[in-house]
Amino acid sequence: MPTYEYECTKCGHCFEKFQSMKDEPLKRCPKCRCKVKRLLGRGAGIIFKGSGFYQTDYRSSDYHAAAKKDSGAAESKPSTESKPEKTEKKETKPAAGKKAD
């Protein structure tokens, strides 16, 4: 059941009322018994937790600490493995005016 917000047109008293969507809107202020108008609600923030959502959204602090440690270790270690050098193969092209066999 939603919470509705109301404001009195005479005294300016603002209040909230927890009522069913099927209920009629309130008509009178509880303080001065004058007319009230129902205000547009600001709504609430929604947090989706549970299976089916992004797994990385709600990781624990332990996970973040381990990830930070791993990334720091990878950056500080120089690579000791020797990498093979690239050799380029040059293609021989026929000179201008000569036909290739």
N, C-alpha and C. Protein backbone atom coordinates (compact mmCIF):
# COMPACT_ATOMS: atom_id res chain seq x y z
N MET A 1 0.84 -1.18 0.00
CA MET A 1 0.00 0.00 0.00
C MET A 1 0.89 1.24 0.00
N PRO A 2 0.57 2.20 -0.84
CA PRO A 2 1.39 3.41 -0.94
C PRO A 2 1.09 4.44 0.14
N THR A 3 2.03 5.34 0.30
CA THR A 3 1.87 6.46 1.21
C THR A 3 1.62 7.70 0.36
N TYR A 4 0.53 8.39 0.63
CA TYR A 4 0.19 9.60 -0.10
C TYR A 4 0.48 10.83 0.73
N GLU A 5 0.88 11.91 0.07
CA GLU A 5 1.20 13.15 0.75
C GLU A 5 0.11 14.18 0.42
N TYR A 6 -0.34 14.87 1.45
CA TYR A 6 -1.40 15.87 1.31
C TYR A 6 -0.94 17.21 1.88
N GLU A 7 -1.57 18.29 1.39
CA GLU A 7 -1.29 19.63 1.91
C GLU A 7 -2.61 20.39 2.03
N CYS A 8 -2.80 21.06 3.16
CA CYS A 8 -4.01 21.85 3.39
C CYS A 8 -3.93 23.14 2.58
N THR A 9 -5.05 23.51 1.94
CA THR A 9 -5.08 24.72 1.11
C THR A 9 -5.18 25.98 1.97
N LYS A 10 -5.62 25.85 3.24
CA LYS A 10 -5.78 27.03 4.09
C LYS A 10 -4.59 27.22 5.04
N CYS A 11 -4.32 26.22 5.86
CA CYS A 11 -3.26 26.38 6.88
C CYS A 11 -1.89 25.92 6.41
N GLY A 12 -1.80 25.21 5.27
CA GLY A 12 -0.52 24.77 4.74
C GLY A 12 0.06 23.54 5.41
N HIS A 13 -0.73 22.90 6.29
CA HIS A 13 -0.27 21.70 6.99
C HIS A 13 -0.03 20.57 5.98
N CYS A 14 1.20 19.99 6.03
CA CYS A 14 1.53 18.86 5.16
C CYS A 14 1.54 17.60 6.00
N PHE A 15 0.96 16.53 5.45
CA PHE A 15 0.94 15.26 6.16
C PHE A 15 0.89 14.11 5.16
N GLU A 16 1.24 12.94 5.65
CA GLU A 16 1.21 11.73 4.82
C GLU A 16 0.17 10.78 5.35
N LYS A 17 -0.41 10.02 4.44
CA LYS A 17 -1.42 9.04 4.82
C LYS A 17 -1.14 7.74 4.09
N PHE A 18 -1.03 6.65 4.85
CA PHE A 18 -0.80 5.31 4.31
C PHE A 18 -2.18 4.72 4.01
N GLN A 19 -2.51 4.59 2.73
CA GLN A 19 -3.83 4.09 2.37
C GLN A 19 -3.77 3.28 1.07
N SER A 20 -4.79 2.48 0.87
CA SER A 20 -4.87 1.63 -0.31
C SER A 20 -5.08 2.48 -1.56
N MET A 21 -4.69 1.91 -2.70
CA MET A 21 -4.91 2.62 -3.97
C MET A 21 -6.39 2.72 -4.30
N LYS A 22 -7.18 1.83 -3.74
CA LYS A 22 -8.62 1.83 -3.99
C LYS A 22 -9.37 2.86 -3.15
N ASP A 23 -8.74 3.33 -2.06
CA ASP A 23 -9.39 4.29 -1.18
C ASP A 23 -9.53 5.65 -1.86
N GLU A 24 -10.59 6.36 -1.49
CA GLU A 24 -10.81 7.71 -1.99
C GLU A 24 -9.77 8.65 -1.36
N PRO A 25 -9.31 9.67 -2.11
CA PRO A 25 -8.38 10.64 -1.52
C PRO A 25 -9.04 11.39 -0.37
N LEU A 26 -8.22 11.80 0.60
CA LEU A 26 -8.75 12.56 1.73
C LEU A 26 -9.24 13.92 1.25
N LYS A 27 -10.25 14.47 1.95
CA LYS A 27 -10.82 15.75 1.54
C LYS A 27 -10.60 16.85 2.56
N ARG A 28 -10.35 16.48 3.84
CA ARG A 28 -10.26 17.48 4.92
C ARG A 28 -8.95 17.37 5.68
N CYS A 29 -8.45 18.51 6.10
CA CYS A 29 -7.23 18.60 6.90
C CYS A 29 -7.52 18.10 8.32
N PRO A 30 -6.64 17.29 8.91
CA PRO A 30 -6.88 16.83 10.27
C PRO A 30 -6.73 17.94 11.32
N LYS A 31 -6.08 19.05 10.99
CA LYS A 31 -5.90 20.16 11.94
C LYS A 31 -7.07 21.14 11.91
N CYS A 32 -7.35 21.70 10.70
CA CYS A 32 -8.35 22.77 10.62
C CYS A 32 -9.63 22.36 9.89
N ARG A 33 -9.69 21.15 9.38
CA ARG A 33 -10.86 20.60 8.69
C ARG A 33 -11.19 21.32 7.37
N CYS A 34 -10.21 22.03 6.78
CA CYS A 34 -10.41 22.66 5.47
C CYS A 34 -9.99 21.69 4.37
N LYS A 35 -10.16 22.12 3.11
CA LYS A 35 -9.84 21.26 1.98
C LYS A 35 -8.34 20.97 1.90
N VAL A 36 -8.02 19.75 1.42
CA VAL A 36 -6.63 19.38 1.18
C VAL A 36 -6.46 18.98 -0.28
N LYS A 37 -5.24 19.09 -0.76
CA LYS A 37 -4.93 18.60 -2.10
C LYS A 37 -3.85 17.54 -1.97
N ARG A 38 -3.97 16.52 -2.80
CA ARG A 38 -2.99 15.45 -2.78
C ARG A 38 -1.80 15.87 -3.65
N LEU A 39 -0.59 15.75 -3.11
CA LEU A 39 0.63 16.15 -3.81
C LEU A 39 1.21 14.98 -4.58
N LEU A 40 1.99 15.30 -5.57
CA LEU A 40 2.68 14.26 -6.31
C LEU A 40 3.81 13.73 -5.43
N GLY A 41 3.88 12.43 -5.29
CA GLY A 41 4.90 11.83 -4.45
C GLY A 41 6.27 11.85 -5.11
N ARG A 42 7.29 11.90 -4.29
CA ARG A 42 8.65 11.88 -4.79
C ARG A 42 9.09 10.46 -5.12
N GLY A 43 8.38 9.49 -4.62
CA GLY A 43 8.74 8.10 -4.90
C GLY A 43 9.88 7.66 -4.00
N ALA A 44 10.35 6.48 -4.25
CA ALA A 44 11.43 5.91 -3.45
C ALA A 44 12.47 5.31 -4.37
N GLY A 45 13.69 5.28 -3.89
CA GLY A 45 14.76 4.65 -4.66
C GLY A 45 14.60 3.14 -4.62
N ILE A 46 14.90 2.50 -5.71
CA ILE A 46 14.77 1.05 -5.79
C ILE A 46 16.16 0.44 -5.90
N ILE A 47 16.41 -0.56 -5.10
CA ILE A 47 17.67 -1.30 -5.17
C ILE A 47 17.34 -2.73 -5.52
N PHE A 48 17.90 -3.20 -6.61
CA PHE A 48 17.68 -4.57 -7.03
C PHE A 48 18.81 -5.43 -6.48
N LYS A 49 18.51 -6.28 -5.54
CA LYS A 49 19.50 -7.22 -5.02
C LYS A 49 18.96 -8.62 -5.24
N GLY A 50 19.85 -9.51 -5.54
CA GLY A 50 19.44 -10.89 -5.71
C GLY A 50 19.89 -11.45 -7.03
N SER A 51 19.56 -12.70 -7.26
CA SER A 51 19.99 -13.34 -8.49
C SER A 51 19.27 -12.72 -9.67
N GLY A 52 19.94 -12.69 -10.79
CA GLY A 52 19.33 -12.13 -11.98
C GLY A 52 19.79 -10.74 -12.30
N PHE A 53 20.51 -10.09 -11.39
CA PHE A 53 21.01 -8.76 -11.65
C PHE A 53 22.52 -8.83 -11.78
N TYR A 54 23.14 -7.70 -12.01
CA TYR A 54 24.58 -7.70 -12.21
C TYR A 54 25.30 -8.22 -10.98
N GLN A 55 26.15 -9.19 -11.20
CA GLN A 55 26.86 -9.85 -10.12
C GLN A 55 27.85 -8.91 -9.45
N THR A 56 28.38 -7.95 -10.19
CA THR A 56 29.41 -7.08 -9.64
C THR A 56 28.84 -5.86 -8.92
N ASP A 57 27.55 -5.66 -8.93
CA ASP A 57 26.96 -4.47 -8.31
C ASP A 57 27.14 -4.41 -6.80
N TYR A 58 27.07 -5.53 -6.14
CA TYR A 58 27.08 -5.54 -4.67
C TYR A 58 28.18 -6.45 -4.14
N ARG A 59 29.40 -6.25 -4.62
CA ARG A 59 30.52 -7.05 -4.16
C ARG A 59 30.90 -6.63 -2.74
N SER A 60 31.46 -7.58 -2.00
CA SER A 60 31.86 -7.31 -0.62
C SER A 60 33.15 -6.49 -0.58
N SER A 61 33.43 -5.91 0.57
CA SER A 61 34.64 -5.12 0.73
C SER A 61 35.88 -6.01 0.65
N ASP A 62 35.76 -7.28 1.07
CA ASP A 62 36.88 -8.22 0.97
C ASP A 62 37.25 -8.45 -0.49
N TYR A 63 36.24 -8.57 -1.34
CA TYR A 63 36.50 -8.77 -2.76
C TYR A 63 37.24 -7.57 -3.35
N HIS A 64 36.79 -6.35 -3.01
CA HIS A 64 37.43 -5.14 -3.53
C HIS A 64 38.88 -5.03 -3.05
N ALA A 65 39.13 -5.41 -1.79
CA ALA A 65 40.49 -5.35 -1.24
C ALA A 65 41.40 -6.34 -1.98
N ALA A 66 40.91 -7.56 -2.22
CA ALA A 66 41.70 -8.56 -2.93
C ALA A 66 41.96 -8.14 -4.37
N ALA A 67 40.98 -7.55 -5.01
CA ALA A 67 41.15 -7.10 -6.40
C ALA A 67 42.18 -5.98 -6.48
N LYS A 68 42.14 -5.08 -5.51
CA LYS A 68 43.09 -3.98 -5.48
C LYS A 68 44.51 -4.51 -5.26
N LYS A 69 44.65 -5.49 -4.37
CA LYS A 69 45.95 -6.09 -4.08
C LYS A 69 46.50 -6.78 -5.32
N ASP A 70 45.65 -7.53 -6.02
CA ASP A 70 46.07 -8.24 -7.23
C ASP A 70 46.48 -7.27 -8.33
N SER A 71 45.76 -6.20 -8.52
CA SER A 71 46.11 -5.26 -9.58
C SER A 71 47.39 -4.51 -9.25
N GLY A 72 47.63 -4.24 -7.98
CA GLY A 72 48.87 -3.58 -7.57
C GLY A 72 50.06 -4.48 -7.76
N ALA A 73 49.92 -5.77 -7.50
CA ALA A 73 51.01 -6.73 -7.66
C ALA A 73 51.36 -6.90 -9.14
N ALA A 74 50.38 -6.90 -9.99
CA ALA A 74 50.62 -7.09 -11.42
C ALA A 74 51.36 -5.89 -12.02
N GLU A 75 51.08 -4.70 -11.51
CA GLU A 75 51.73 -3.50 -12.03
C GLU A 75 53.17 -3.39 -11.57
N SER A 76 53.49 -3.84 -10.34
CA SER A 76 54.82 -3.65 -9.79
C SER A 76 55.82 -4.70 -10.26
N LYS A 77 55.39 -5.87 -10.73
CA LYS A 77 56.31 -6.92 -11.15
C LYS A 77 56.73 -6.69 -12.60
N PRO A 78 58.05 -6.56 -12.85
CA PRO A 78 58.48 -6.44 -14.24
C PRO A 78 58.44 -7.82 -14.89
N SER A 79 58.24 -7.83 -16.15
CA SER A 79 58.15 -9.09 -16.88
C SER A 79 59.55 -9.65 -17.09
N THR A 80 59.79 -10.89 -16.65
CA THR A 80 61.10 -11.52 -16.80
C THR A 80 61.13 -12.48 -17.96
N GLU A 81 60.01 -12.73 -18.55
CA GLU A 81 59.97 -13.65 -19.68
C GLU A 81 60.53 -12.97 -20.91
N SER A 82 61.32 -13.71 -21.68
CA SER A 82 61.85 -13.14 -22.92
C SER A 82 60.83 -13.39 -24.02
N LYS A 83 60.57 -12.38 -24.76
CA LYS A 83 59.59 -12.48 -25.84
C LYS A 83 60.35 -12.65 -27.16
N PRO A 84 59.89 -13.52 -28.02
CA PRO A 84 60.58 -13.70 -29.30
C PRO A 84 60.46 -12.44 -30.14
N GLU A 85 61.53 -12.14 -30.84
CA GLU A 85 61.53 -10.95 -31.68
C GLU A 85 60.76 -11.23 -32.97
N LYS A 86 60.14 -10.22 -33.45
CA LYS A 86 59.39 -10.35 -34.69
C LYS A 86 60.33 -10.21 -35.87
N THR A 87 60.20 -11.09 -36.81
CA THR A 87 60.98 -10.97 -38.04
C THR A 87 60.03 -10.72 -39.19
N GLU A 88 60.39 -9.78 -39.98
CA GLU A 88 59.54 -9.42 -41.10
C GLU A 88 60.06 -10.09 -42.37
N LYS A 89 59.17 -10.65 -43.13
CA LYS A 89 59.53 -11.24 -44.40
C LYS A 89 59.31 -10.20 -45.49
N LYS A 90 60.34 -10.03 -46.29
CA LYS A 90 60.22 -9.06 -47.38
C LYS A 90 59.86 -9.80 -48.65
N GLU A 91 58.85 -9.32 -49.29
CA GLU A 91 58.45 -9.91 -50.56
C GLU A 91 59.24 -9.24 -51.68
N THR A 92 59.67 -10.03 -52.61
CA THR A 92 60.36 -9.46 -53.77
C THR A 92 59.34 -9.18 -54.85
N LYS A 93 59.34 -7.96 -55.26
CA LYS A 93 58.42 -7.55 -56.32
C LYS A 93 59.23 -7.32 -57.59
N PRO A 94 58.66 -7.66 -58.71
CA PRO A 94 59.40 -7.43 -59.97
C PRO A 94 59.61 -5.94 -60.20
N ALA A 95 60.73 -5.60 -60.78
CA ALA A 95 61.03 -4.20 -61.06
C ALA A 95 60.07 -3.70 -62.12
N ALA A 96 59.91 -2.41 -62.17
CA ALA A 96 59.02 -1.81 -63.13
C ALA A 96 59.44 -2.13 -64.55
N GLY A 97 58.53 -2.54 -65.38
CA GLY A 97 58.83 -2.84 -66.76
C GLY A 97 59.20 -4.30 -66.99
N LYS A 98 59.46 -5.06 -65.94
CA LYS A 98 59.79 -6.47 -66.09
C LYS A 98 58.60 -7.31 -65.65
N LYS A 99 58.39 -8.40 -66.32
CA LYS A 99 57.28 -9.29 -65.99
C LYS A 99 57.81 -10.39 -65.10
N ALA A 100 56.96 -10.79 -64.15
CA ALA A 100 57.34 -11.89 -63.26
C ALA A 100 57.14 -13.20 -63.98
N ASP A 101 58.01 -14.21 -63.75
CA ASP A 101 57.90 -15.51 -64.39
C ASP A 101 56.79 -16.31 -63.83
